[in-house]
């Protein structure tokens, strides 16, 4: 059964993306960070080069019309249509897309939610959509933690 994990009340989303990506890769996951725009991908790419300063997480930008990168544990991508991805890839979703609607739903989706009322309202909508599509839901309130 696919799983969606929500991290809500995240104060510093850019930093949290880097830390959560690092943690997932350290646990052996292959991760796709799915963003909204090319500009956001460029910012995340730069953040991953700098954060954390004492280490480096190998990653590449994936153009979704090409083969999925096999030589790095973390790929960054965006687009208007969700791509079909290999089984076993964890999607860290920082876009407005609902991965439960992807051509083939991933086994695991991580959703990062900010602190604003708009972010939290959108998260409730996502929560319902994932649950209706048969995802198991986990929730972590990061208020005061991240």
C-alpha atoms as a PDB file:
ATOM      1  CA  UNK A   1       0.000   0.000   0.000  1.00  0.00           C
ATOM      2  CA  UNK A   2       1.433   3.421  -0.904  1.00  0.00           C
ATOM      3  CA  UNK A   3       2.254   5.831   1.912  1.00  0.00           C
ATOM      4  CA  UNK A   4       2.111   9.634   2.202  1.00  0.00           C
ATOM      5  CA  UNK A   5       3.965  11.329   5.033  1.00  0.00           C
ATOM      6  CA  UNK A   6       3.057  14.917   5.889  1.00  0.00           C
ATOM      7  CA  UNK A   7       5.475  17.211   7.727  1.00  0.00           C
ATOM      8  CA  UNK A   8       3.424  20.227   8.794  1.00  0.00           C
ATOM      9  CA  UNK A   9       4.255  23.590  10.376  1.00  0.00           C
ATOM     10  CA  UNK A  10       7.730  23.617   8.809  1.00  0.00           C
ATOM     11  CA  UNK A  11       9.281  27.029   9.497  1.00  0.00           C
ATOM     12  CA  UNK A  12      12.235  26.858   7.062  1.00  0.00           C
ATOM     13  CA  UNK A  13      11.133  24.795   4.078  1.00  0.00           C
ATOM     14  CA  UNK A  14      14.402  25.198   2.122  1.00  0.00           C
ATOM     15  CA  UNK A  15      16.476  23.875   5.012  1.00  0.00           C
ATOM     16  CA  UNK A  16      13.963  21.098   5.701  1.00  0.00           C
ATOM     17  CA  UNK A  17      14.108  19.906   2.069  1.00  0.00           C
ATOM     18  CA  UNK A  18      17.875  19.478   2.397  1.00  0.00           C
ATOM     19  CA  UNK A  19      17.718  17.728   5.776  1.00  0.00           C
ATOM     20  CA  UNK A  20      14.849  15.413   4.811  1.00  0.00           C
ATOM     21  CA  UNK A  21      16.553  14.529   1.509  1.00  0.00           C
ATOM     22  CA  UNK A  22      19.790  13.717   3.333  1.00  0.00           C
ATOM     23  CA  UNK A  23      17.975  11.596   5.905  1.00  0.00           C
ATOM     24  CA  UNK A  24      16.079   9.617   3.240  1.00  0.00           C
ATOM     25  CA  UNK A  25      19.241   8.977   1.205  1.00  0.00           C
ATOM     26  CA  UNK A  26      21.153   7.929   4.335  1.00  0.00           C
ATOM     27  CA  UNK A  27      18.430   5.320   4.903  1.00  0.00           C
ATOM     28  CA  UNK A  28      19.075   3.941   1.409  1.00  0.00           C
ATOM     29  CA  UNK A  29      16.235   5.598  -0.506  1.00  0.00           C
ATOM     30  CA  UNK A  30      16.428   6.963  -4.019  1.00  0.00           C
ATOM     31  CA  UNK A  31      14.667  10.326  -3.888  1.00  0.00           C
ATOM     32  CA  UNK A  32      12.966  12.550  -6.441  1.00  0.00           C
ATOM     33  CA  UNK A  33      12.382  16.131  -5.282  1.00  0.00           C
ATOM     34  CA  UNK A  34       9.449  17.388  -7.355  1.00  0.00           C
ATOM     35  CA  UNK A  35       9.143  21.189  -7.402  1.00  0.00           C
ATOM     36  CA  UNK A  36       6.775  23.634  -9.035  1.00  0.00           C
ATOM     37  CA  UNK A  37       9.152  25.582 -11.310  1.00  0.00           C
ATOM     38  CA  UNK A  38      12.623  25.548 -12.883  1.00  0.00           C
ATOM     39  CA  UNK A  39      13.561  28.482 -10.645  1.00  0.00           C
ATOM     40  CA  UNK A  40      12.661  26.480  -7.571  1.00  0.00           C
ATOM     41  CA  UNK A  41      14.760  23.556  -8.843  1.00  0.00           C
ATOM     42  CA  UNK A  42      17.724  25.908  -9.315  1.00  0.00           C
ATOM     43  CA  UNK A  43      17.324  27.200  -5.747  1.00  0.00           C
ATOM     44  CA  UNK A  44      17.072  23.680  -4.291  1.00  0.00           C
ATOM     45  CA  UNK A  45      20.112  22.639  -6.341  1.00  0.00           C
ATOM     46  CA  UNK A  46      22.134  25.517  -4.841  1.00  0.00           C
ATOM     47  CA  UNK A  47      20.833  24.758  -1.344  1.00  0.00           C
ATOM     48  CA  UNK A  48      21.943  21.124  -1.679  1.00  0.00           C
ATOM     49  CA  UNK A  49      25.475  22.269  -2.593  1.00  0.00           C
ATOM     50  CA  UNK A  50      25.631  24.382   0.586  1.00  0.00           C
ATOM     51  CA  UNK A  51      23.507  22.566   3.116  1.00  0.00           C
ATOM     52  CA  UNK A  52      24.763  20.980   5.231  1.00  0.00           C
ATOM     53  CA  UNK A  53      28.122  22.721   4.869  1.00  0.00           C
ATOM     54  CA  UNK A  54      30.122  19.756   6.188  1.00  0.00           C
ATOM     55  CA  UNK A  55      28.878  17.258   3.569  1.00  0.00           C
ATOM     56  CA  UNK A  56      27.581  16.940   0.042  1.00  0.00           C
ATOM     57  CA  UNK A  57      24.555  15.033  -1.217  1.00  0.00           C
ATOM     58  CA  UNK A  58      25.134  13.855  -4.814  1.00  0.00           C
ATOM     59  CA  UNK A  59      22.216  14.916  -6.976  1.00  0.00           C
ATOM     60  CA  UNK A  60      21.293  15.920 -10.496  1.00  0.00           C
ATOM     61  CA  UNK A  61      18.554  17.796 -12.301  1.00  0.00           C
ATOM     62  CA  UNK A  62      16.356  15.393 -14.245  1.00  0.00           C
ATOM     63  CA  UNK A  63      14.766  16.418 -17.524  1.00  0.00           C
ATOM     64  CA  UNK A  64      11.683  14.199 -17.487  1.00  0.00           C
ATOM     65  CA  UNK A  65      11.893  13.443 -21.213  1.00  0.00           C
ATOM     66  CA  UNK A  66      15.217  11.642 -20.554  1.00  0.00           C
ATOM     67  CA  UNK A  67      15.934   8.448 -18.634  1.00  0.00           C
ATOM     68  CA  UNK A  68      15.796   8.743 -14.865  1.00  0.00           C
ATOM     69  CA  UNK A  69      19.328   9.295 -13.443  1.00  0.00           C
ATOM     70  CA  UNK A  70      20.772   6.048 -12.114  1.00  0.00           C
ATOM     71  CA  UNK A  71      24.131   7.348 -10.898  1.00  0.00           C
ATOM     72  CA  UNK A  72      22.934   9.619  -8.060  1.00  0.00           C
ATOM     73  CA  UNK A  73      20.628   8.975  -5.096  1.00  0.00           C
ATOM     74  CA  UNK A  74      18.730  12.262  -5.499  1.00  0.00           C
ATOM     75  CA  UNK A  75      17.114  13.818  -8.560  1.00  0.00           C
ATOM     76  CA  UNK A  76      15.419  17.214  -8.874  1.00  0.00           C
ATOM     77  CA  UNK A  77      12.647  17.827 -11.384  1.00  0.00           C
ATOM     78  CA  UNK A  78       9.520  19.807 -12.158  1.00  0.00           C
ATOM     79  CA  UNK A  79       6.895  19.941 -14.845  1.00  0.00           C
ATOM     80  CA  UNK A  80       3.241  20.377 -15.639  1.00  0.00           C
ATOM     81  CA  UNK A  81       2.646  16.624 -15.977  1.00  0.00           C
ATOM     82  CA  UNK A  82       3.696  14.056 -13.419  1.00  0.00           C
ATOM     83  CA  UNK A  83       6.041  11.469 -14.934  1.00  0.00           C
ATOM     84  CA  UNK A  84       5.994   7.712 -14.528  1.00  0.00           C
ATOM     85  CA  UNK A  85       8.825   6.810 -12.169  1.00  0.00           C
ATOM     86  CA  UNK A  86      10.522   3.569 -11.233  1.00  0.00           C
ATOM     87  CA  UNK A  87       9.218   1.627  -8.285  1.00  0.00           C
ATOM     88  CA  UNK A  88      11.136   2.284  -5.095  1.00  0.00           C
ATOM     89  CA  UNK A  89      11.728   5.989  -5.702  1.00  0.00           C
ATOM     90  CA  UNK A  90      10.561   8.217  -2.839  1.00  0.00           C
ATOM     91  CA  UNK A  91       8.946  11.454  -4.018  1.00  0.00           C
ATOM     92  CA  UNK A  92       9.597  14.536  -1.898  1.00  0.00           C
ATOM     93  CA  UNK A  93       6.836  16.767  -3.200  1.00  0.00           C
ATOM     94  CA  UNK A  94       7.232  20.527  -2.850  1.00  0.00           C
ATOM     95  CA  UNK A  95       4.810  21.360  -5.651  1.00  0.00           C
ATOM     96  CA  UNK A  96       1.062  21.793  -5.905  1.00  0.00           C
ATOM     97  CA  UNK A  97       0.744  18.445  -7.723  1.00  0.00           C
ATOM     98  CA  UNK A  98      -1.025  15.500  -6.133  1.00  0.00           C
ATOM     99  CA  UNK A  99       1.202  12.443  -6.623  1.00  0.00           C
ATOM    100  CA  UNK A 100      -1.745  10.158  -5.896  1.00  0.00           C
ATOM    101  CA  UNK A 101      -2.889  11.222  -9.403  1.00  0.00           C
ATOM    102  CA  UNK A 102       0.395  10.233 -11.112  1.00  0.00           C
ATOM    103  CA  UNK A 103       0.342   7.724 -13.998  1.00  0.00           C
ATOM    104  CA  UNK A 104       1.696   5.168 -11.510  1.00  0.00           C
ATOM    105  CA  UNK A 105       1.467   6.230  -7.879  1.00  0.00           C
ATOM    106  CA  UNK A 106       4.813   6.094  -6.059  1.00  0.00           C
ATOM    107  CA  UNK A 107       5.172   3.777  -3.081  1.00  0.00           C
ATOM    108  CA  UNK A 108       6.116   6.709  -0.840  1.00  0.00           C
ATOM    109  CA  UNK A 109       5.423  10.456  -0.981  1.00  0.00           C
ATOM    110  CA  UNK A 110       6.791  13.036   1.455  1.00  0.00           C
ATOM    111  CA  UNK A 111       4.798  16.275   1.659  1.00  0.00           C
ATOM    112  CA  UNK A 112       6.311  19.372   3.273  1.00  0.00           C
ATOM    113  CA  UNK A 113       3.803  21.922   4.540  1.00  0.00           C
ATOM    114  CA  UNK A 114       4.608  25.420   5.749  1.00  0.00           C
ATOM    115  CA  UNK A 115       3.044  27.315   8.630  1.00  0.00           C
ATOM    116  CA  UNK A 116       0.573  29.591   6.855  1.00  0.00           C
ATOM    117  CA  UNK A 117      -3.163  29.013   6.987  1.00  0.00           C
ATOM    118  CA  UNK A 118      -3.161  28.641   3.189  1.00  0.00           C
ATOM    119  CA  UNK A 119      -0.458  25.950   3.342  1.00  0.00           C
ATOM    120  CA  UNK A 120      -2.333  24.065   6.045  1.00  0.00           C
ATOM    121  CA  UNK A 121      -5.653  24.262   4.164  1.00  0.00           C
ATOM    122  CA  UNK A 122      -3.990  22.918   1.009  1.00  0.00           C
ATOM    123  CA  UNK A 123      -2.430  20.123   3.078  1.00  0.00           C
ATOM    124  CA  UNK A 124      -5.858  19.054   4.349  1.00  0.00           C
ATOM    125  CA  UNK A 125      -7.041  18.815   0.745  1.00  0.00           C
ATOM    126  CA  UNK A 126      -3.981  16.702  -0.169  1.00  0.00           C
ATOM    127  CA  UNK A 127      -4.485  14.524   2.894  1.00  0.00           C
ATOM    128  CA  UNK A 128      -8.051  13.712   1.793  1.00  0.00           C
ATOM    129  CA  UNK A 129      -6.983  13.043  -1.815  1.00  0.00           C
ATOM    130  CA  UNK A 130      -4.207  10.653  -0.802  1.00  0.00           C
ATOM    131  CA  UNK A 131      -6.462   8.826   1.636  1.00  0.00           C
ATOM    132  CA  UNK A 132      -9.206   8.471  -1.028  1.00  0.00           C
ATOM    133  CA  UNK A 133      -6.623   6.916  -3.373  1.00  0.00           C
ATOM    134  CA  UNK A 134      -5.732   4.288  -0.772  1.00  0.00           C
ATOM    135  CA  UNK A 135      -2.536   5.780   0.656  1.00  0.00           C
ATOM    136  CA  UNK A 136      -1.598   5.126   4.259  1.00  0.00           C
ATOM    137  CA  UNK A 137      -1.113   8.523   5.912  1.00  0.00           C
ATOM    138  CA  UNK A 138       1.524   9.574   8.445  1.00  0.00           C
ATOM    139  CA  UNK A 139       1.720  13.032  10.001  1.00  0.00           C
ATOM    140  CA  UNK A 140       4.504  14.796  11.859  1.00  0.00           C
ATOM    141  CA  UNK A 141       3.890  18.219  13.377  1.00  0.00           C
ATOM    142  CA  UNK A 142       7.242  20.033  13.106  1.00  0.00           C
ATOM    143  CA  UNK A 143       6.131  23.155  14.973  1.00  0.00           C
ATOM    144  CA  UNK A 144       9.074  24.249  17.095  1.00  0.00           C
ATOM    145  CA  UNK A 145      11.233  21.463  15.649  1.00  0.00           C
ATOM    146  CA  UNK A 146      12.065  22.568  12.126  1.00  0.00           C
END
